[in-house]
Amino acid sequence: MATAPAPTAITFRFTADNTDLTIKASTLAELLDGTRLKKKDIVALWNINPRTYDKRHDQPGGLTQDELHKLATALQVSYLDIARLIYQQCQTDPSARKTPLDKAE
């Protein structure tokens, strides 16, 4: 059985704590884990429950436009780059597409 190709890594460059950071991420989880933002900071930024953050981390298909824009603003990167990252991840991993409206399987 053929496996789906891994999503192409996208390079993100931004400044955090007066340090230039470069992160190559192929999933939203890799991007979030690579930043210097703590989970509690992103939870406060998105104004969501920590459990909801965990779902967004693992299944970015449920990420809202508002959350996408807030993350892009906080990281000072293009929201289109983050959207492309999520799109590629959802194309290669069907479980990443789950949204809050999807029924549990």
C-alpha atoms as a PDB file:
ATOM      1  CA  MET A   1       0.000   0.000   0.000  1.00  0.00           C
ATOM      2  CA  ALA A   2       1.375   3.407  -0.975  1.00  0.00           C
ATOM      3  CA  THR A   3       1.849   6.002   1.717  1.00  0.00           C
ATOM      4  CA  ALA A   4       1.043   9.666   1.298  1.00  0.00           C
ATOM      5  CA  PRO A   5       4.048  11.884   0.700  1.00  0.00           C
ATOM      6  CA  ALA A   6       5.199  13.989   3.613  1.00  0.00           C
ATOM      7  CA  PRO A   7       4.159  17.636   3.403  1.00  0.00           C
ATOM      8  CA  THR A   8       6.801  20.013   2.134  1.00  0.00           C
ATOM      9  CA  ALA A   9       8.518  21.916   4.923  1.00  0.00           C
ATOM     10  CA  ILE A  10       7.953  25.657   4.915  1.00  0.00           C
ATOM     11  CA  THR A  11      10.574  27.979   6.369  1.00  0.00           C
ATOM     12  CA  PHE A  12       9.395  30.622   8.828  1.00  0.00           C
ATOM     13  CA  ARG A  13      11.673  33.459   9.931  1.00  0.00           C
ATOM     14  CA  PHE A  14      10.735  35.716  12.808  1.00  0.00           C
ATOM     15  CA  THR A  15      12.189  37.516  15.819  1.00  0.00           C
ATOM     16  CA  ALA A  16      11.449  36.405  19.372  1.00  0.00           C
ATOM     17  CA  ASP A  17      13.100  37.820  22.486  1.00  0.00           C
ATOM     18  CA  ASN A  18      15.511  39.846  20.307  1.00  0.00           C
ATOM     19  CA  THR A  19      16.669  36.651  18.619  1.00  0.00           C
ATOM     20  CA  ASP A  20      16.143  35.796  14.973  1.00  0.00           C
ATOM     21  CA  LEU A  21      14.580  32.358  14.654  1.00  0.00           C
ATOM     22  CA  THR A  22      14.230  30.140  11.609  1.00  0.00           C
ATOM     23  CA  ILE A  23      11.864  27.188  11.784  1.00  0.00           C
ATOM     24  CA  LYS A  24      11.335  24.617   9.045  1.00  0.00           C
ATOM     25  CA  ALA A  25       7.925  23.116   9.708  1.00  0.00           C
ATOM     26  CA  SER A  26       5.774  20.698   7.767  1.00  0.00           C
ATOM     27  CA  THR A  27       2.955  20.652  10.349  1.00  0.00           C
ATOM     28  CA  LEU A  28       1.309  23.237  12.560  1.00  0.00           C
ATOM     29  CA  ALA A  29       2.511  21.280  15.590  1.00  0.00           C
ATOM     30  CA  GLU A  30       6.135  21.651  14.453  1.00  0.00           C
ATOM     31  CA  LEU A  31       5.634  25.393  14.008  1.00  0.00           C
ATOM     32  CA  LEU A  32       3.981  25.855  17.409  1.00  0.00           C
ATOM     33  CA  ASP A  33       6.564  23.694  19.169  1.00  0.00           C
ATOM     34  CA  GLY A  34       9.427  25.506  17.454  1.00  0.00           C
ATOM     35  CA  THR A  35       8.386  28.967  18.576  1.00  0.00           C
ATOM     36  CA  ARG A  36       9.281  30.411  21.930  1.00  0.00           C
ATOM     37  CA  LEU A  37       5.610  30.897  22.696  1.00  0.00           C
ATOM     38  CA  LYS A  38       4.418  28.724  25.548  1.00  0.00           C
ATOM     39  CA  LYS A  39       1.169  26.812  25.397  1.00  0.00           C
ATOM     40  CA  LYS A  40      -0.395  29.153  27.958  1.00  0.00           C
ATOM     41  CA  ASP A  41       0.573  32.163  25.820  1.00  0.00           C
ATOM     42  CA  ILE A  42      -1.132  30.745  22.735  1.00  0.00           C
ATOM     43  CA  VAL A  43      -4.174  29.724  24.784  1.00  0.00           C
ATOM     44  CA  ALA A  44      -4.440  33.336  26.011  1.00  0.00           C
ATOM     45  CA  LEU A  45      -3.791  34.712  22.519  1.00  0.00           C
ATOM     46  CA  TRP A  46      -6.542  32.585  20.977  1.00  0.00           C
ATOM     47  CA  ASN A  47      -8.804  32.920  24.045  1.00  0.00           C
ATOM     48  CA  ILE A  48      -9.484  29.175  24.106  1.00  0.00           C
ATOM     49  CA  ASN A  49      -9.439  26.289  26.565  1.00  0.00           C
ATOM     50  CA  PRO A  50      -6.116  24.390  26.878  1.00  0.00           C
ATOM     51  CA  ARG A  51      -7.888  21.243  25.719  1.00  0.00           C
ATOM     52  CA  THR A  52      -9.019  23.055  22.562  1.00  0.00           C
ATOM     53  CA  TYR A  53      -5.402  24.083  21.996  1.00  0.00           C
ATOM     54  CA  ASP A  54      -4.377  20.419  22.114  1.00  0.00           C
ATOM     55  CA  LYS A  55      -6.955  19.616  19.426  1.00  0.00           C
ATOM     56  CA  ARG A  56      -5.788  22.514  17.231  1.00  0.00           C
ATOM     57  CA  HIS A  57      -2.191  21.382  17.740  1.00  0.00           C
ATOM     58  CA  ASP A  58      -2.937  17.861  16.501  1.00  0.00           C
ATOM     59  CA  GLN A  59      -5.812  18.577  14.104  1.00  0.00           C
ATOM     60  CA  PRO A  60      -5.334  22.042  12.586  1.00  0.00           C
ATOM     61  CA  GLY A  61      -8.380  21.645  10.320  1.00  0.00           C
ATOM     62  CA  GLY A  62     -10.430  23.213  13.119  1.00  0.00           C
ATOM     63  CA  LEU A  63      -8.301  26.356  13.324  1.00  0.00           C
ATOM     64  CA  THR A  64     -10.436  29.460  12.798  1.00  0.00           C
ATOM     65  CA  GLN A  65      -9.513  32.412  10.606  1.00  0.00           C
ATOM     66  CA  ASP A  66      -9.314  34.574  13.709  1.00  0.00           C
ATOM     67  CA  GLU A  67      -6.867  32.170  15.384  1.00  0.00           C
ATOM     68  CA  LEU A  68      -4.831  31.969  12.186  1.00  0.00           C
ATOM     69  CA  HIS A  69      -4.543  35.760  11.955  1.00  0.00           C
ATOM     70  CA  LYS A  70      -3.695  36.132  15.659  1.00  0.00           C
ATOM     71  CA  LEU A  71      -0.914  33.533  15.373  1.00  0.00           C
ATOM     72  CA  ALA A  72       0.479  35.176  12.244  1.00  0.00           C
ATOM     73  CA  THR A  73       0.453  38.569  13.962  1.00  0.00           C
ATOM     74  CA  ALA A  74       2.147  37.204  17.096  1.00  0.00           C
ATOM     75  CA  LEU A  75       4.875  35.509  15.039  1.00  0.00           C
ATOM     76  CA  GLN A  76       5.088  38.379  12.550  1.00  0.00           C
ATOM     77  CA  VAL A  77       4.799  36.024   9.577  1.00  0.00           C
ATOM     78  CA  SER A  78       2.352  35.921   6.700  1.00  0.00           C
ATOM     79  CA  TYR A  79      -0.934  34.263   7.577  1.00  0.00           C
ATOM     80  CA  LEU A  80      -0.942  32.819   4.045  1.00  0.00           C
ATOM     81  CA  ASP A  81       2.217  30.862   4.849  1.00  0.00           C
ATOM     82  CA  ILE A  82       0.553  29.349   7.921  1.00  0.00           C
ATOM     83  CA  ALA A  83      -2.604  28.631   5.904  1.00  0.00           C
ATOM     84  CA  ARG A  84      -0.494  26.895   3.233  1.00  0.00           C
ATOM     85  CA  LEU A  85       1.225  24.848   5.935  1.00  0.00           C
ATOM     86  CA  ILE A  86      -2.130  23.721   7.335  1.00  0.00           C
ATOM     87  CA  TYR A  87      -3.506  23.006   3.851  1.00  0.00           C
ATOM     88  CA  GLN A  88      -0.530  20.805   2.972  1.00  0.00           C
ATOM     89  CA  GLN A  89      -0.792  18.988   6.289  1.00  0.00           C
ATOM     90  CA  CYS A  90      -4.500  18.314   5.768  1.00  0.00           C
ATOM     91  CA  GLN A  91      -3.870  17.089   2.212  1.00  0.00           C
ATOM     92  CA  THR A  92      -1.374  14.468   3.377  1.00  0.00           C
ATOM     93  CA  ASP A  93      -2.979  13.522   6.696  1.00  0.00           C
ATOM     94  CA  PRO A  94      -6.777  13.058   6.642  1.00  0.00           C
ATOM     95  CA  SER A  95      -6.956  13.011  10.453  1.00  0.00           C
ATOM     96  CA  ALA A  96      -5.626  16.596  10.496  1.00  0.00           C
ATOM     97  CA  ARG A  97      -8.774  17.747   8.688  1.00  0.00           C
ATOM     98  CA  LYS A  98     -11.106  17.052  11.585  1.00  0.00           C
ATOM     99  CA  THR A  99     -13.049  20.059  12.702  1.00  0.00           C
ATOM    100  CA  PRO A 100     -15.247  20.536  15.767  1.00  0.00           C
ATOM    101  CA  LEU A 101     -18.268  19.780  13.577  1.00  0.00           C
ATOM    102  CA  ASP A 102     -16.965  16.357  12.489  1.00  0.00           C
ATOM    103  CA  LYS A 103     -18.487  13.439  14.323  1.00  0.00           C
ATOM    104  CA  ALA A 104     -16.175  11.141  16.275  1.00  0.00           C
ATOM    105  CA  GLU A 105     -15.395   8.021  14.306  1.00  0.00           C
END
